[in-house]
């Protein structure tokens, strides 16, 4: 499908469904190295996002939709995830401007801006065992796919696959940021829940974009 406001709506609907399906998994991952409520928080936030998007005017741009997502996540998702995801979507809106449809270059800019927003807000780097370990591979894969002339849907698919691999790769890492860092070496052997939810959300973006 073309990447317009309808795609953003469908992306968030698919994300909400996927997060709901994986809520227990995300809670369990977070229970091992955090507060144990990441799935619950994300499920609540994305359900609110779907409601908020339904209230937007019919002529809302993708940028406006992303800003609505950002504000909703900041106000409804508890813990550190709300501000981090909210900042990601807020910054992702900037490169879109008044565009009504996203091409490959804008998709890459959107993903890059989202990742950079999280880095700016959370001060995490690659290897810190955070959602950045999913976001940075996703951005790099998107950039490489775009350089090869891939379609917007294929760029998103490459980003999603890289995010999924990045989430898995957090398992042996020792956390250097967030609550998990308090565990020191004991944080190794557990997957970062924020990286996993990132992978879920980016896969939803790719799946919806690939729909005819």
C-alpha atoms as a PDB file:
ATOM      1  CA  UNK A   1       0.000   0.000   0.000  1.00  0.00           C
ATOM      2  CA  UNK A   2       1.106   3.578  -0.420  1.00  0.00           C
ATOM      3  CA  UNK A   3       2.661   5.079   2.668  1.00  0.00           C
ATOM      4  CA  UNK A   4       0.155   7.778   3.527  1.00  0.00           C
ATOM      5  CA  UNK A   5      -1.915   8.572   6.616  1.00  0.00           C
ATOM      6  CA  UNK A   6      -3.940   5.430   6.007  1.00  0.00           C
ATOM      7  CA  UNK A   7      -0.726   3.448   6.286  1.00  0.00           C
ATOM      8  CA  UNK A   8       0.116   5.125   9.597  1.00  0.00           C
ATOM      9  CA  UNK A   9      -3.364   4.226  10.881  1.00  0.00           C
ATOM     10  CA  UNK A  10      -3.002   0.626   9.736  1.00  0.00           C
ATOM     11  CA  UNK A  11       0.533   0.429  11.107  1.00  0.00           C
ATOM     12  CA  UNK A  12      -0.621   1.454  14.554  1.00  0.00           C
ATOM     13  CA  UNK A  13      -3.593  -0.890  14.407  1.00  0.00           C
ATOM     14  CA  UNK A  14      -1.287  -3.771  13.501  1.00  0.00           C
ATOM     15  CA  UNK A  15       1.200  -2.700  16.176  1.00  0.00           C
ATOM     16  CA  UNK A  16      -1.519  -2.597  18.817  1.00  0.00           C
ATOM     17  CA  UNK A  17      -2.664  -6.093  17.849  1.00  0.00           C
ATOM     18  CA  UNK A  18       0.884  -7.474  17.822  1.00  0.00           C
ATOM     19  CA  UNK A  19       1.773  -5.885  21.159  1.00  0.00           C
ATOM     20  CA  UNK A  20      -1.441  -7.241  22.693  1.00  0.00           C
ATOM     21  CA  UNK A  21      -0.561 -10.695  21.391  1.00  0.00           C
ATOM     22  CA  UNK A  22       2.949 -10.418  22.843  1.00  0.00           C
ATOM     23  CA  UNK A  23       2.023  -8.604  26.055  1.00  0.00           C
ATOM     24  CA  UNK A  24       2.858 -11.554  28.296  1.00  0.00           C
ATOM     25  CA  UNK A  25       6.189 -12.084  26.532  1.00  0.00           C
ATOM     26  CA  UNK A  26       7.150  -8.435  26.963  1.00  0.00           C
ATOM     27  CA  UNK A  27       6.102  -8.488  30.611  1.00  0.00           C
ATOM     28  CA  UNK A  28       8.174 -11.613  31.200  1.00  0.00           C
ATOM     29  CA  UNK A  29      11.234 -10.113  29.512  1.00  0.00           C
ATOM     30  CA  UNK A  30      10.832  -6.983  31.616  1.00  0.00           C
ATOM     31  CA  UNK A  31      10.273  -9.021  34.779  1.00  0.00           C
ATOM     32  CA  UNK A  32      13.717 -10.562  34.334  1.00  0.00           C
ATOM     33  CA  UNK A  33      15.601  -7.251  34.220  1.00  0.00           C
ATOM     34  CA  UNK A  34      13.071  -4.508  35.003  1.00  0.00           C
ATOM     35  CA  UNK A  35       9.682  -3.775  36.528  1.00  0.00           C
ATOM     36  CA  UNK A  36       7.738  -6.445  34.663  1.00  0.00           C
ATOM     37  CA  UNK A  37       5.163  -4.125  33.115  1.00  0.00           C
ATOM     38  CA  UNK A  38       6.542  -3.222  29.681  1.00  0.00           C
ATOM     39  CA  UNK A  39       3.933  -5.294  27.858  1.00  0.00           C
ATOM     40  CA  UNK A  40       1.125  -3.856  29.940  1.00  0.00           C
ATOM     41  CA  UNK A  41       2.326  -0.306  29.392  1.00  0.00           C
ATOM     42  CA  UNK A  42       2.802  -0.688  25.643  1.00  0.00           C
ATOM     43  CA  UNK A  43      -0.557  -2.415  25.249  1.00  0.00           C
ATOM     44  CA  UNK A  44      -2.302   0.435  27.034  1.00  0.00           C
ATOM     45  CA  UNK A  45      -0.418   3.060  25.050  1.00  0.00           C
ATOM     46  CA  UNK A  46      -1.037   1.596  21.621  1.00  0.00           C
ATOM     47  CA  UNK A  47      -4.707   1.015  22.367  1.00  0.00           C
ATOM     48  CA  UNK A  48      -4.938   4.715  23.197  1.00  0.00           C
ATOM     49  CA  UNK A  49      -3.059   5.550  19.993  1.00  0.00           C
ATOM     50  CA  UNK A  50      -5.614   3.713  17.865  1.00  0.00           C
ATOM     51  CA  UNK A  51      -8.385   5.707  19.527  1.00  0.00           C
ATOM     52  CA  UNK A  52      -6.528   8.997  19.078  1.00  0.00           C
ATOM     53  CA  UNK A  53      -5.859   8.391  15.392  1.00  0.00           C
ATOM     54  CA  UNK A  54      -9.515   7.624  14.764  1.00  0.00           C
ATOM     55  CA  UNK A  55     -10.337  11.126  16.022  1.00  0.00           C
ATOM     56  CA  UNK A  56      -8.039  12.919  13.557  1.00  0.00           C
ATOM     57  CA  UNK A  57      -9.611  14.786  10.636  1.00  0.00           C
ATOM     58  CA  UNK A  58      -9.783  12.979   7.317  1.00  0.00           C
ATOM     59  CA  UNK A  59      -7.230  15.329   5.773  1.00  0.00           C
ATOM     60  CA  UNK A  60      -4.589  14.795   8.492  1.00  0.00           C
ATOM     61  CA  UNK A  61      -1.088  14.330   7.091  1.00  0.00           C
ATOM     62  CA  UNK A  62       1.219  11.466   8.070  1.00  0.00           C
ATOM     63  CA  UNK A  63       3.240  13.990  10.065  1.00  0.00           C
ATOM     64  CA  UNK A  64       0.172  15.038  12.035  1.00  0.00           C
ATOM     65  CA  UNK A  65      -0.644  11.401  12.690  1.00  0.00           C
ATOM     66  CA  UNK A  66       2.866  10.733  14.001  1.00  0.00           C
ATOM     67  CA  UNK A  67       2.642  13.736  16.311  1.00  0.00           C
ATOM     68  CA  UNK A  68      -0.672  12.475  17.647  1.00  0.00           C
ATOM     69  CA  UNK A  69       0.938   9.092  18.288  1.00  0.00           C
ATOM     70  CA  UNK A  70       3.803  10.781  20.123  1.00  0.00           C
ATOM     71  CA  UNK A  71       1.596  12.819  22.432  1.00  0.00           C
ATOM     72  CA  UNK A  72      -0.601   9.826  23.194  1.00  0.00           C
ATOM     73  CA  UNK A  73       2.311   7.555  24.061  1.00  0.00           C
ATOM     74  CA  UNK A  74       3.914  10.184  26.287  1.00  0.00           C
ATOM     75  CA  UNK A  75       0.674  10.615  28.221  1.00  0.00           C
ATOM     76  CA  UNK A  76      -0.356   6.946  28.519  1.00  0.00           C
ATOM     77  CA  UNK A  77       2.750   4.732  28.625  1.00  0.00           C
ATOM     78  CA  UNK A  78       4.373   4.441  32.021  1.00  0.00           C
ATOM     79  CA  UNK A  79       8.034   4.195  32.896  1.00  0.00           C
ATOM     80  CA  UNK A  80      10.823   5.272  30.586  1.00  0.00           C
ATOM     81  CA  UNK A  81       9.184   3.810  27.496  1.00  0.00           C
ATOM     82  CA  UNK A  82       6.536   6.515  27.145  1.00  0.00           C
ATOM     83  CA  UNK A  83       8.945   9.440  26.831  1.00  0.00           C
ATOM     84  CA  UNK A  84      11.341   7.419  24.664  1.00  0.00           C
ATOM     85  CA  UNK A  85       8.744   6.145  22.197  1.00  0.00           C
ATOM     86  CA  UNK A  86       6.964   9.480  22.303  1.00  0.00           C
ATOM     87  CA  UNK A  87      10.152  11.301  21.402  1.00  0.00           C
ATOM     88  CA  UNK A  88      10.805   8.778  18.626  1.00  0.00           C
ATOM     89  CA  UNK A  89       7.477   9.448  16.934  1.00  0.00           C
ATOM     90  CA  UNK A  90       7.687  13.185  17.542  1.00  0.00           C
ATOM     91  CA  UNK A  91      11.079  13.410  15.856  1.00  0.00           C
ATOM     92  CA  UNK A  92       9.987  11.002  13.109  1.00  0.00           C
ATOM     93  CA  UNK A  93       7.316  13.500  12.116  1.00  0.00           C
ATOM     94  CA  UNK A  94       9.805  16.277  11.381  1.00  0.00           C
ATOM     95  CA  UNK A  95      11.253  15.012   8.055  1.00  0.00           C
ATOM     96  CA  UNK A  96       7.760  14.433   6.652  1.00  0.00           C
ATOM     97  CA  UNK A  97       6.750  18.067   6.579  1.00  0.00           C
ATOM     98  CA  UNK A  98       3.473  18.500   4.709  1.00  0.00           C
ATOM     99  CA  UNK A  99       3.979  15.368   2.576  1.00  0.00           C
ATOM    100  CA  UNK A 100       0.909  13.231   2.041  1.00  0.00           C
ATOM    101  CA  UNK A 101       2.870  10.151   0.948  1.00  0.00           C
ATOM    102  CA  UNK A 102       6.288   8.826   1.960  1.00  0.00           C
ATOM    103  CA  UNK A 103       8.921   7.710  -0.515  1.00  0.00           C
ATOM    104  CA  UNK A 104      11.985   5.624   0.320  1.00  0.00           C
ATOM    105  CA  UNK A 105      14.191   8.566   1.218  1.00  0.00           C
ATOM    106  CA  UNK A 106      11.603   9.938   3.616  1.00  0.00           C
ATOM    107  CA  UNK A 107      11.152   6.515   5.223  1.00  0.00           C
ATOM    108  CA  UNK A 108      14.882   6.402   5.934  1.00  0.00           C
ATOM    109  CA  UNK A 109      14.818   9.944   7.284  1.00  0.00           C
ATOM    110  CA  UNK A 110      11.822   9.087   9.468  1.00  0.00           C
ATOM    111  CA  UNK A 111      13.513   6.040  10.983  1.00  0.00           C
ATOM    112  CA  UNK A 112      16.779   7.892  11.462  1.00  0.00           C
ATOM    113  CA  UNK A 113      15.082  10.822  13.170  1.00  0.00           C
ATOM    114  CA  UNK A 114      13.185   8.445  15.457  1.00  0.00           C
ATOM    115  CA  UNK A 115      16.394   6.667  16.476  1.00  0.00           C
ATOM    116  CA  UNK A 116      18.243   9.936  16.997  1.00  0.00           C
ATOM    117  CA  UNK A 117      15.403  11.228  19.151  1.00  0.00           C
ATOM    118  CA  UNK A 118      15.654   8.197  21.429  1.00  0.00           C
ATOM    119  CA  UNK A 119      19.427   8.613  21.679  1.00  0.00           C
ATOM    120  CA  UNK A 120      19.022  12.279  22.544  1.00  0.00           C
ATOM    121  CA  UNK A 121      16.395  11.538  25.191  1.00  0.00           C
ATOM    122  CA  UNK A 122      17.867   8.400  26.744  1.00  0.00           C
ATOM    123  CA  UNK A 123      21.597   8.951  26.113  1.00  0.00           C
ATOM    124  CA  UNK A 124      22.008   5.262  25.184  1.00  0.00           C
ATOM    125  CA  UNK A 125      24.460   3.910  22.646  1.00  0.00           C
ATOM    126  CA  UNK A 126      24.669   0.723  20.643  1.00  0.00           C
ATOM    127  CA  UNK A 127      25.662  -2.091  22.990  1.00  0.00           C
ATOM    128  CA  UNK A 128      24.046  -0.597  26.106  1.00  0.00           C
ATOM    129  CA  UNK A 129      21.267  -3.253  26.014  1.00  0.00           C
ATOM    130  CA  UNK A 130      18.393  -0.904  25.232  1.00  0.00           C
ATOM    131  CA  UNK A 131      15.949  -0.357  22.380  1.00  0.00           C
ATOM    132  CA  UNK A 132      18.786   1.412  20.533  1.00  0.00           C
ATOM    133  CA  UNK A 133      20.237  -2.041  19.899  1.00  0.00           C
ATOM    134  CA  UNK A 134      17.193  -2.673  17.695  1.00  0.00           C
ATOM    135  CA  UNK A 135      16.797   0.844  16.310  1.00  0.00           C
ATOM    136  CA  UNK A 136      20.356   1.394  15.105  1.00  0.00           C
ATOM    137  CA  UNK A 137      20.572  -1.840  13.061  1.00  0.00           C
ATOM    138  CA  UNK A 138      17.137  -0.980  11.667  1.00  0.00           C
ATOM    139  CA  UNK A 139      18.310   2.447  10.531  1.00  0.00           C
ATOM    140  CA  UNK A 140      21.504   1.055   9.014  1.00  0.00           C
ATOM    141  CA  UNK A 141      19.583  -1.649   7.146  1.00  0.00           C
ATOM    142  CA  UNK A 142      17.082   0.919   5.869  1.00  0.00           C
ATOM    143  CA  UNK A 143      19.884   3.146   4.634  1.00  0.00           C
ATOM    144  CA  UNK A 144      21.546   0.231   2.846  1.00  0.00           C
ATOM    145  CA  UNK A 145      18.278  -0.914   1.256  1.00  0.00           C
ATOM    146  CA  UNK A 146      17.506   2.596   0.059  1.00  0.00           C
ATOM    147  CA  UNK A 147      20.993   2.906  -1.423  1.00  0.00           C
ATOM    148  CA  UNK A 148      20.274  -0.273  -3.389  1.00  0.00           C
ATOM    149  CA  UNK A 149      17.092   1.267  -4.779  1.00  0.00           C
ATOM    150  CA  UNK A 150      14.626  -0.742  -2.698  1.00  0.00           C
ATOM    151  CA  UNK A 151      10.970   0.244  -2.512  1.00  0.00           C
ATOM    152  CA  UNK A 152       9.610   1.895   0.647  1.00  0.00           C
ATOM    153  CA  UNK A 153       8.009  -1.407   1.683  1.00  0.00           C
ATOM    154  CA  UNK A 154      11.270  -3.272   1.136  1.00  0.00           C
ATOM    155  CA  UNK A 155      13.154  -0.635   3.132  1.00  0.00           C
ATOM    156  CA  UNK A 156      10.775  -1.169   6.041  1.00  0.00           C
ATOM    157  CA  UNK A 157      11.121  -4.947   5.725  1.00  0.00           C
ATOM    158  CA  UNK A 158      14.912  -4.666   5.887  1.00  0.00           C
ATOM    159  CA  UNK A 159      14.634  -2.411   8.926  1.00  0.00           C
ATOM    160  CA  UNK A 160      12.280  -4.824  10.674  1.00  0.00           C
ATOM    161  CA  UNK A 161      14.515  -7.831  10.073  1.00  0.00           C
ATOM    162  CA  UNK A 162      17.526  -5.942  11.394  1.00  0.00           C
ATOM    163  CA  UNK A 163      15.580  -4.812  14.463  1.00  0.00           C
ATOM    164  CA  UNK A 164      14.546  -8.403  15.174  1.00  0.00           C
ATOM    165  CA  UNK A 165      18.148  -9.566  14.940  1.00  0.00           C
ATOM    166  CA  UNK A 166      19.228  -6.636  17.097  1.00  0.00           C
ATOM    167  CA  UNK A 167      16.718  -7.555  19.795  1.00  0.00           C
ATOM    168  CA  UNK A 168      18.028 -11.119  19.918  1.00  0.00           C
ATOM    169  CA  UNK A 169      21.581  -9.785  20.069  1.00  0.00           C
ATOM    170  CA  UNK A 170      20.811  -7.957  23.337  1.00  0.00           C
ATOM    171  CA  UNK A 171      20.589 -11.260  25.210  1.00  0.00           C
ATOM    172  CA  UNK A 172      24.302 -11.694  26.030  1.00  0.00           C
ATOM    173  CA  UNK A 173      24.883  -8.000  26.702  1.00  0.00           C
ATOM    174  CA  UNK A 174      25.405  -6.486  30.124  1.00  0.00           C
ATOM    175  CA  UNK A 175      23.067  -3.538  30.580  1.00  0.00           C
ATOM    176  CA  UNK A 176      24.704  -0.142  30.910  1.00  0.00           C
ATOM    177  CA  UNK A 177      21.559   2.000  30.950  1.00  0.00           C
ATOM    178  CA  UNK A 178      18.194   1.975  32.673  1.00  0.00           C
ATOM    179  CA  UNK A 179      16.898  -0.163  35.498  1.00  0.00           C
ATOM    180  CA  UNK A 180      18.527  -3.281  34.062  1.00  0.00           C
ATOM    181  CA  UNK A 181      21.952  -1.703  34.616  1.00  0.00           C
ATOM    182  CA  UNK A 182      21.434  -2.080  38.377  1.00  0.00           C
ATOM    183  CA  UNK A 183      21.766  -5.844  37.904  1.00  0.00           C
ATOM    184  CA  UNK A 184      25.260  -5.581  36.452  1.00  0.00           C
ATOM    185  CA  UNK A 185      26.495  -8.914  35.112  1.00  0.00           C
ATOM    186  CA  UNK A 186      23.216 -10.576  36.072  1.00  0.00           C
ATOM    187  CA  UNK A 187      21.489  -8.676  33.248  1.00  0.00           C
ATOM    188  CA  UNK A 188      23.355 -10.843  30.723  1.00  0.00           C
ATOM    189  CA  UNK A 189      21.348 -13.731  29.309  1.00  0.00           C
ATOM    190  CA  UNK A 190      18.108 -11.769  29.038  1.00  0.00           C
ATOM    191  CA  UNK A 191      16.631  -9.984  26.031  1.00  0.00           C
ATOM    192  CA  UNK A 192      15.895  -6.300  26.356  1.00  0.00           C
ATOM    193  CA  UNK A 193      12.117  -5.750  26.337  1.00  0.00           C
ATOM    194  CA  UNK A 194      12.351  -2.334  24.677  1.00  0.00           C
ATOM    195  CA  UNK A 195      14.390  -3.787  21.834  1.00  0.00           C
ATOM    196  CA  UNK A 196      11.785  -6.531  21.459  1.00  0.00           C
ATOM    197  CA  UNK A 197       8.839  -4.121  21.366  1.00  0.00           C
ATOM    198  CA  UNK A 198      10.752  -2.028  18.812  1.00  0.00           C
ATOM    199  CA  UNK A 199      11.138  -5.081  16.601  1.00  0.00           C
ATOM    200  CA  UNK A 200       7.427  -5.851  16.915  1.00  0.00           C
ATOM    201  CA  UNK A 201       6.391  -2.321  15.972  1.00  0.00           C
ATOM    202  CA  UNK A 202       8.783  -2.085  13.013  1.00  0.00           C
ATOM    203  CA  UNK A 203       7.657  -5.485  11.714  1.00  0.00           C
ATOM    204  CA  UNK A 204       4.059  -4.249  11.821  1.00  0.00           C
ATOM    205  CA  UNK A 205       5.086  -1.233   9.748  1.00  0.00           C
ATOM    206  CA  UNK A 206       6.646  -3.510   7.138  1.00  0.00           C
ATOM    207  CA  UNK A 207       3.782  -5.986   6.999  1.00  0.00           C
ATOM    208  CA  UNK A 208       1.182  -3.256   6.506  1.00  0.00           C
ATOM    209  CA  UNK A 209       3.318  -1.506   3.865  1.00  0.00           C
ATOM    210  CA  UNK A 210       3.573  -4.752   1.927  1.00  0.00           C
ATOM    211  CA  UNK A 211      -0.203  -5.234   1.772  1.00  0.00           C
ATOM    212  CA  UNK A 212      -1.713  -4.701  -1.666  1.00  0.00           C
END
